[in-house]
Amino acid sequence: MHIAVRHMFVPLTVGAVAFTGLTVPAQAASHPSAVRAARWQATQLDAKGGIFNDQFNFTDWGLTADTVIALKATGVKPQIAKKSTAYIAAHVRSYNSLDDSGQPGVRFSGPTGKLLYLATATKSNPRNFGGFDLRAESLALMTKSGVNKGRFQDKGTTDYSNSFGQSLNILGLARSGGVPSDAVKFLIKQQCAAGGFRLFPDTAAPTCDQATNPILDPDTTGIAVQSLLTAYKSGNKAAGPAARKGALWLLGQQAADGSFKGSGPTASPNTNSTGLAGQALRAVGQSGLVSKTKARALNAGAAKAGRWVRTLQLTPGNAGKASGDVGAIAYNKAAFTEAQQNGITPAKRDQWRRANPQALLVLAGVALGDIGK
């Protein structure tokens, strides 16, 4: 599922880096397929640096941010990434509020978290991103007491906050000076004993195990695992075991062909779920948090996920009528086959733009917590 809507969207320096006793290996180079996918994604930006949705006539700020994250993860088109970052920074309130609609006082926690994370991944100043202190705005959206203590919630409107947005805020805070332990604790409460995370917190059932038949979501688990791993590296010891448990649960959800399914409307094999889950497998597999045997299994799972994603990438040899879009990764097999036969039609282009930046993450060789380092 596209990270701008439901949830997100990941380079280490050469040589080992120590984090609170944790040794992180040198970054692997992005697979050539990731580079080709990122180059295609860059062509989808308009002259201003944004992704413009022609069908509904608006600039999609969340997808624009995902595009920048994909470019930073692969090192592709740095000047374009810089231009798009500046464009987003000039429109912070267009994304995390309803100010443009004449409804002041509304703040959305998920978009705020993504903006904060984007600022850290692009080495921008999170305390002055387009004139806004995103770190302060994130912390202001965190509930300070009660059953939702530590939860990042929407303000001034109906609350649509979820575990994906929680993870984005934790990622951004951990990379910009530290994340409150209450935020990490709240996210861990969304993890069931099996290891997977639910997308939607439930005030009536504060912990995942208290819920009746909770839906454990691979996409949510993929970003939660990486969020917790980043918090662990920044000093939160409780986050490490939860990240490990989540990664091992993900490994158990992987199909024999390497693919992953999401949940709800994405509960069939797709490259969005596979890209994010595979990235999480590799992140934990290379973290030192698991035994050598489990690390090999996690890294093998990540490699298998990457191979499956590449089967749905347009190449000069398989693109058919979509030859003008070589490099793009389809959301699923049906979309890939349709593009071969008819090209990527205007009605379907938005799906490709959304699938591609998250799908390529498993090929980029870098975790969300380390993009831009």
Protein backbone atom coordinates (compact mmCIF):
# COMPACT_ATOMS: atom_id res chain seq x y z
CA MET A 1 0.00 0.00 0.00
CA HIS A 2 1.34 3.41 -0.95
CA ILE A 3 3.14 5.05 1.92
CA ALA A 4 1.73 8.51 1.32
CA VAL A 5 -1.84 7.42 1.86
CA ARG A 6 -2.10 4.51 4.19
CA HIS A 7 1.05 4.60 6.07
CA MET A 8 5.33 5.34 3.62
CA PHE A 9 8.50 5.99 2.37
CA VAL A 10 15.56 4.56 2.49
CA PRO A 11 22.70 5.31 2.52
CA LEU A 12 25.11 4.17 5.16
CA THR A 13 28.63 5.48 4.89
CA VAL A 14 31.26 3.04 3.75
CA GLY A 15 32.68 1.09 6.67
CA ALA A 16 31.11 -0.02 9.93
CA VAL A 17 29.33 2.47 12.17
CA ALA A 18 28.70 1.80 15.85
CA PHE A 19 25.32 2.56 17.43
CA THR A 20 25.03 1.89 21.16
CA GLY A 21 26.95 -1.32 20.84
CA LEU A 22 25.32 -2.24 17.53
CA THR A 23 27.54 -2.65 14.49
CA VAL A 24 25.99 -1.79 11.17
CA PRO A 25 27.69 -3.13 8.03
CA ALA A 26 28.64 -0.99 5.09
CA GLN A 27 25.84 -0.15 2.69
CA ALA A 28 25.43 -2.41 -0.31
CA ALA A 29 25.21 -0.57 -3.60
CA SER A 30 21.72 -0.14 -4.96
CA HIS A 31 20.80 -2.84 -7.44
CA PRO A 32 20.80 -1.51 -11.03
CA SER A 33 17.07 -2.22 -11.10
CA ALA A 34 16.56 0.21 -8.21
CA VAL A 35 18.49 2.87 -10.09
CA ARG A 36 16.39 2.37 -13.22
CA ALA A 37 13.17 2.52 -11.19
CA ALA A 38 14.27 5.72 -9.46
CA ARG A 39 15.21 7.31 -12.77
CA TRP A 40 11.74 6.54 -14.11
CA GLN A 41 10.14 7.99 -10.98
CA ALA A 42 12.09 11.21 -11.49
CA THR A 43 10.54 11.58 -14.95
CA GLN A 44 7.09 11.69 -13.34
CA LEU A 45 7.84 14.98 -11.58
CA ASP A 46 6.52 18.13 -13.20
CA ALA A 47 8.55 21.24 -13.97
CA LYS A 48 8.08 22.54 -10.41
CA GLY A 49 9.34 19.33 -8.86
CA GLY A 50 6.06 17.76 -7.76
CA ILE A 51 3.89 14.82 -8.74
CA PHE A 52 0.76 16.35 -10.23
CA ASN A 53 -2.35 14.19 -10.31
CA ASP A 54 -3.94 14.95 -13.68
CA GLN A 55 -7.09 13.00 -12.95
CA PHE A 56 -8.03 14.99 -9.87
CA ASN A 57 -6.08 18.19 -10.54
CA PHE A 58 -3.88 18.48 -7.46
CA THR A 59 -0.24 18.20 -6.48
CA ASP A 60 0.23 15.01 -4.47
CA TRP A 61 2.62 16.12 -1.73
CA GLY A 62 2.81 12.71 -0.08
CA LEU A 63 3.75 10.99 -3.33
CA THR A 64 6.21 13.77 -4.12
CA ALA A 65 7.87 13.07 -0.76
CA ASP A 66 7.95 9.34 -1.55
CA THR A 67 9.64 10.18 -4.84
CA VAL A 68 12.35 12.19 -3.09
CA ILE A 69 12.90 9.35 -0.62
CA ALA A 70 13.33 6.93 -3.52
CA LEU A 71 15.85 9.25 -5.15
CA LYS A 72 17.79 9.64 -1.90
CA ALA A 73 17.74 5.88 -1.30
CA THR A 74 19.40 5.23 -4.66
CA GLY A 75 21.50 8.37 -5.10
CA VAL A 76 19.72 9.10 -8.38
CA LYS A 77 19.23 12.66 -9.71
CA PRO A 78 20.44 14.57 -6.62
CA GLN A 79 19.65 17.98 -8.10
CA ILE A 80 16.10 16.93 -8.89
CA ALA A 81 15.73 15.58 -5.34
CA LYS A 82 16.95 18.92 -4.02
CA LYS A 83 14.50 20.85 -6.19
CA SER A 84 11.56 18.68 -5.12
CA THR A 85 12.53 18.97 -1.46
CA ALA A 86 12.50 22.75 -1.75
CA TYR A 87 9.11 22.61 -3.46
CA ILE A 88 7.67 20.51 -0.64
CA ALA A 89 9.22 22.79 1.98
CA ALA A 90 7.44 25.73 0.40
CA HIS A 91 4.11 23.90 0.80
CA VAL A 92 4.25 22.31 4.24
CA ARG A 93 0.79 23.53 5.18
CA SER A 94 -0.64 22.29 1.89
CA TYR A 95 0.19 18.78 3.09
CA ASN A 96 -0.14 18.60 6.88
CA SER A 97 -3.10 20.96 7.36
CA LEU A 98 -6.29 22.25 5.76
CA ASP A 99 -5.10 25.85 5.68
CA ASP A 100 -5.42 25.91 1.88
CA SER A 101 -9.09 25.01 2.29
CA GLY A 102 -9.75 27.81 4.76
CA GLN A 103 -9.86 25.54 7.82
CA PRO A 104 -7.09 26.77 10.12
CA GLY A 105 -6.07 24.77 13.18
CA VAL A 106 -6.18 21.34 11.55
CA ARG A 107 -2.98 19.29 11.74
CA PHE A 108 -2.47 15.79 10.39
CA SER A 109 -0.03 13.60 12.28
CA GLY A 110 0.89 11.20 9.46
CA PRO A 111 1.89 13.92 6.98
CA THR A 112 3.71 15.80 9.76
CA GLY A 113 5.69 12.66 10.52
CA LYS A 114 6.53 12.12 6.87
CA LEU A 115 7.66 15.73 6.46
CA LEU A 116 9.88 15.41 9.53
CA TYR A 117 11.35 12.17 8.23
CA LEU A 118 11.87 13.72 4.78
CA ALA A 119 13.74 16.63 6.35
CA THR A 120 16.16 14.24 8.06
CA ALA A 121 16.59 12.03 4.98
CA THR A 122 17.46 15.06 2.82
CA LYS A 123 19.74 16.61 5.46
CA SER A 124 17.43 19.60 5.69
CA ASN A 125 16.90 21.40 8.98
CA PRO A 126 13.91 19.72 10.67
CA ARG A 127 13.56 22.72 12.99
CA ASN A 128 13.29 25.09 10.04
CA PHE A 129 11.81 23.25 7.08
CA GLY A 130 10.11 25.85 4.93
CA GLY A 131 9.98 28.03 8.05
CA PHE A 132 8.34 25.36 10.23
CA ASP A 133 9.75 23.50 13.22
CA LEU A 134 8.60 20.02 12.25
CA ARG A 135 10.12 18.39 15.29
CA ALA A 136 8.11 20.67 17.56
CA GLU A 137 4.97 20.11 15.49
CA SER A 138 5.37 16.35 15.73
CA LEU A 139 5.84 16.45 19.50
CA ALA A 140 2.82 18.74 19.85
CA LEU A 141 0.66 16.06 18.21
CA MET A 142 1.74 13.38 20.68
CA THR A 143 -0.86 12.60 23.36
CA LYS A 144 0.61 13.15 26.81
CA SER A 145 -1.71 11.11 29.03
CA GLY A 146 -4.47 8.51 29.15
CA VAL A 147 -4.94 5.35 27.14
CA ASN A 148 -3.46 7.03 24.05
CA LYS A 149 -0.35 8.29 25.82
CA GLY A 150 2.46 8.44 23.28
CA ARG A 151 0.16 8.33 20.24
CA PHE A 152 0.54 10.91 17.47
CA GLN A 153 -2.98 12.05 16.62
CA ASP A 154 -4.67 14.44 14.19
CA LYS A 155 -5.85 17.70 15.73
CA GLY A 156 -8.79 19.94 14.88
CA THR A 157 -10.57 17.29 12.82
CA THR A 158 -11.65 13.66 12.85
CA ASP A 159 -8.67 11.59 13.93
CA TYR A 160 -7.45 9.25 11.21
CA SER A 161 -4.05 8.55 12.76
CA ASN A 162 -2.67 5.03 12.52
CA SER A 163 0.41 2.94 13.20
CA PHE A 164 2.01 3.91 9.90
CA GLY A 165 1.94 7.57 10.88
CA GLN A 166 3.17 6.62 14.36
CA SER A 167 6.18 4.96 12.77
CA LEU A 168 6.94 7.94 10.54
CA ASN A 169 6.95 10.31 13.52
CA ILE A 170 9.23 7.98 15.45
CA LEU A 171 11.59 7.73 12.48
CA GLY A 172 11.76 11.50 12.14
CA LEU A 173 12.17 12.18 15.85
CA ALA A 174 14.79 9.47 16.35
CA ARG A 175 16.84 10.96 13.53
CA SER A 176 16.47 14.57 14.65
CA GLY A 177 17.48 14.51 18.31
CA GLY A 178 15.66 11.66 20.01
CA VAL A 179 12.20 10.15 20.37
CA PRO A 180 10.14 10.06 23.59
CA SER A 181 9.91 6.58 25.11
CA ASP A 182 6.12 6.94 25.36
CA ALA A 183 5.88 7.11 21.55
CA VAL A 184 7.88 3.90 21.21
CA LYS A 185 5.83 2.19 23.93
CA PHE A 186 2.60 3.06 22.17
CA LEU A 187 3.82 1.60 18.89
CA ILE A 188 4.96 -1.59 20.62
CA LYS A 189 1.44 -1.95 22.06
CA GLN A 190 0.21 -2.31 18.48
CA GLN A 191 2.29 -5.47 18.09
CA CYS A 192 0.56 -8.77 18.81
CA ALA A 193 2.34 -11.68 20.47
CA ALA A 194 2.77 -13.31 17.06
CA GLY A 195 4.98 -10.38 16.02
CA GLY A 196 2.87 -8.52 13.46
CA PHE A 197 1.49 -5.00 13.93
CA ARG A 198 -2.07 -3.78 13.44
CA LEU A 199 -2.64 -0.68 11.34
CA PHE A 200 -5.34 0.91 13.47
CA PRO A 201 -4.92 1.44 17.22
CA ASP A 202 -8.06 0.77 19.24
CA THR A 203 -8.86 2.75 22.39
CA ALA A 204 -11.26 -0.01 23.49
CA ALA A 205 -8.45 -2.55 23.16
CA PRO A 206 -5.26 -0.62 23.99
CA THR A 207 -2.94 -3.48 23.10
CA CYS A 208 -3.04 -5.64 19.99
CA ASP A 209 -3.51 -8.83 21.99
CA GLN A 210 -6.57 -7.37 23.70
CA ALA A 211 -8.34 -6.89 20.38
CA THR A 212 -10.76 -9.43 18.94
CA ASN A 213 -9.33 -10.93 15.75
CA PRO A 214 -6.88 -8.09 15.05
CA ILE A 215 -5.67 -7.77 11.46
CA LEU A 216 -1.89 -7.94 11.36
CA ASP A 217 -0.67 -5.93 8.41
CA PRO A 218 2.65 -6.64 6.62
CA ASP A 219 3.00 -3.06 5.35
CA THR A 220 2.50 -1.61 8.82
CA THR A 221 4.86 -4.20 10.26
CA GLY A 222 7.52 -3.37 7.65
CA ILE A 223 7.68 0.29 8.58
CA ALA A 224 7.16 -0.33 12.31
CA VAL A 225 10.14 -2.69 12.34
CA GLN A 226 12.37 -0.09 10.71
CA SER A 227 11.03 2.66 12.96
CA LEU A 228 11.78 0.62 16.07
CA LEU A 229 15.20 -0.36 14.76
CA THR A 230 16.00 3.33 14.31
CA ALA A 231 14.75 4.09 17.83
CA TYR A 232 16.91 1.26 19.12
CA LYS A 233 19.99 2.69 17.43
CA SER A 234 19.23 6.05 19.06
CA GLY A 235 19.21 4.48 22.52
CA ASN A 236 15.78 2.96 23.19
CA LYS A 237 16.65 -0.59 24.26
CA ALA A 238 13.03 -1.82 24.39
CA ALA A 239 12.64 -1.17 20.68
CA GLY A 240 15.20 -3.77 19.62
CA PRO A 241 13.36 -6.96 20.65
CA ALA A 242 10.12 -5.67 19.12
CA ALA A 243 11.87 -4.95 15.81
CA ARG A 244 13.42 -8.42 15.81
CA LYS A 245 10.09 -10.08 16.56
CA GLY A 246 8.35 -8.13 13.82
CA ALA A 247 10.96 -9.05 11.22
CA LEU A 248 10.71 -12.74 12.04
CA TRP A 249 6.91 -12.54 11.75
CA LEU A 250 7.30 -10.94 8.33
CA LEU A 251 9.60 -13.73 7.22
CA GLY A 252 6.85 -16.19 8.08
CA GLN A 253 4.39 -14.30 5.87
CA GLN A 254 6.55 -14.46 2.75
CA ALA A 255 5.28 -16.60 -0.11
CA ALA A 256 7.51 -19.21 -1.72
CA ASP A 257 8.04 -16.95 -4.75
CA GLY A 258 9.32 -14.13 -2.53
CA SER A 259 6.24 -11.91 -2.61
CA PHE A 260 4.24 -10.40 0.23
CA LYS A 261 0.56 -9.55 0.53
CA GLY A 262 -0.88 -6.60 2.41
CA SER A 263 -4.21 -6.66 4.20
CA GLY A 264 -7.70 -5.44 3.32
CA PRO A 265 -7.70 -4.01 -0.22
CA THR A 266 -4.04 -5.01 -0.73
CA ALA A 267 -4.43 -8.64 0.40
CA SER A 268 -2.90 -10.11 -2.73
CA PRO A 269 0.77 -10.25 -3.83
CA ASN A 270 1.99 -6.76 -4.70
CA THR A 271 5.24 -4.86 -5.03
CA ASN A 272 4.35 -2.21 -2.44
CA SER A 273 4.05 -4.71 0.38
CA THR A 274 7.00 -6.72 -0.93
CA GLY A 275 9.27 -3.70 -1.27
CA LEU A 276 8.69 -2.47 2.27
CA ALA A 277 8.67 -5.91 3.91
CA GLY A 278 11.81 -6.99 2.09
CA GLN A 279 13.56 -3.78 3.13
CA ALA A 280 12.65 -4.50 6.76
CA LEU A 281 13.99 -8.07 6.52
CA ARG A 282 17.33 -6.81 5.28
CA ALA A 283 17.48 -4.03 7.89
CA VAL A 284 17.12 -6.46 10.78
CA GLY A 285 19.19 -9.14 9.05
CA GLN A 286 22.13 -6.73 8.98
CA SER A 287 21.51 -5.18 12.41
CA GLY A 288 23.22 -7.59 14.77
CA LEU A 289 19.94 -8.09 16.64
CA VAL A 290 19.51 -11.70 15.55
CA SER A 291 21.62 -14.84 15.49
CA LYS A 292 23.75 -15.61 12.45
CA THR A 293 21.31 -18.29 11.39
CA LYS A 294 18.32 -15.93 11.57
CA ALA A 295 20.32 -13.18 9.90
CA ARG A 296 21.02 -15.45 6.94
CA ALA A 297 17.33 -16.33 6.71
CA LEU A 298 16.25 -12.67 6.85
CA ASN A 299 18.81 -11.59 4.26
CA ALA A 300 17.82 -14.50 2.01
CA GLY A 301 14.18 -13.45 2.35
CA ALA A 302 15.08 -9.89 1.37
CA ALA A 303 16.97 -11.14 -1.68
CA LYS A 304 14.04 -13.34 -2.69
CA ALA A 305 11.66 -10.38 -2.31
CA GLY A 306 13.91 -8.31 -4.54
CA ARG A 307 13.95 -10.96 -7.23
CA TRP A 308 10.16 -11.11 -7.26
CA VAL A 309 9.86 -7.32 -7.52
CA ARG A 310 12.23 -7.34 -10.49
CA THR A 311 9.94 -9.73 -12.37
CA LEU A 312 7.39 -6.88 -12.49
CA GLN A 313 9.76 -4.20 -13.76
CA LEU A 314 9.52 -2.98 -17.34
CA THR A 315 12.70 -3.61 -19.33
CA PRO A 316 13.60 -3.09 -22.99
CA GLY A 317 12.99 -6.79 -23.54
CA ASN A 318 9.56 -7.13 -21.92
CA ALA A 319 7.89 -3.71 -21.98
CA GLY A 320 5.84 -4.25 -25.10
CA LYS A 321 3.68 -1.18 -25.70
CA ALA A 322 5.02 0.38 -22.49
CA SER A 323 8.49 0.84 -23.98
CA GLY A 324 8.41 4.54 -23.12
CA ASP A 325 8.26 3.67 -19.41
CA VAL A 326 11.17 1.26 -19.06
CA GLY A 327 12.34 1.07 -15.45
CA ALA A 328 8.92 1.39 -13.83
CA ILE A 329 7.76 -1.35 -11.45
CA ALA A 330 4.14 -2.49 -11.64
CA TYR A 331 1.93 -2.86 -8.59
CA ASN A 332 1.05 -6.45 -9.48
CA LYS A 333 1.07 -8.97 -12.29
CA ALA A 334 -2.22 -7.77 -13.73
CA ALA A 335 -0.95 -4.18 -14.05
CA PHE A 336 2.27 -5.41 -15.61
CA THR A 337 0.48 -7.48 -18.25
CA GLU A 338 -1.96 -4.69 -19.07
CA ALA A 339 0.91 -2.25 -19.58
CA GLN A 340 2.65 -4.69 -21.92
CA GLN A 341 -0.50 -4.88 -24.01
CA ASN A 342 -1.76 -1.30 -23.86
CA GLY A 343 1.03 0.83 -22.42
CA ILE A 344 0.58 2.71 -19.14
CA THR A 345 -2.68 4.53 -19.73
CA PRO A 346 -3.46 7.91 -18.10
CA ALA A 347 -6.02 6.22 -15.87
CA LYS A 348 -3.43 3.75 -14.57
CA ARG A 349 -0.35 5.97 -14.39
CA ASP A 350 -1.08 7.08 -10.83
CA GLN A 351 -0.97 3.48 -9.61
CA TRP A 352 2.46 2.99 -11.19
CA ARG A 353 3.73 6.23 -9.66
CA ARG A 354 2.60 5.02 -6.24
CA ALA A 355 3.85 1.45 -6.52
CA ASN A 356 7.29 2.24 -7.91
CA PRO A 357 8.95 4.27 -5.11
CA GLN A 358 8.00 1.82 -2.36
CA ALA A 359 8.69 -1.27 -4.47
CA LEU A 360 12.26 -0.19 -5.21
CA LEU A 361 13.12 0.06 -1.51
CA VAL A 362 13.94 -3.64 -1.31
CA LEU A 363 16.40 -3.16 -4.18
CA ALA A 364 18.06 -0.04 -2.80
CA GLY A 365 20.15 -1.82 -0.13
CA VAL A 366 19.48 0.73 2.64
CA ALA A 367 16.99 0.92 5.51
CA LEU A 368 14.57 3.79 6.11
CA GLY A 369 16.55 4.81 9.18
CA ASP A 370 19.71 5.27 7.12
CA ILE A 371 18.57 7.05 3.98
CA GLY A 372 20.56 10.22 3.49
CA LYS A 373 23.27 9.37 6.01
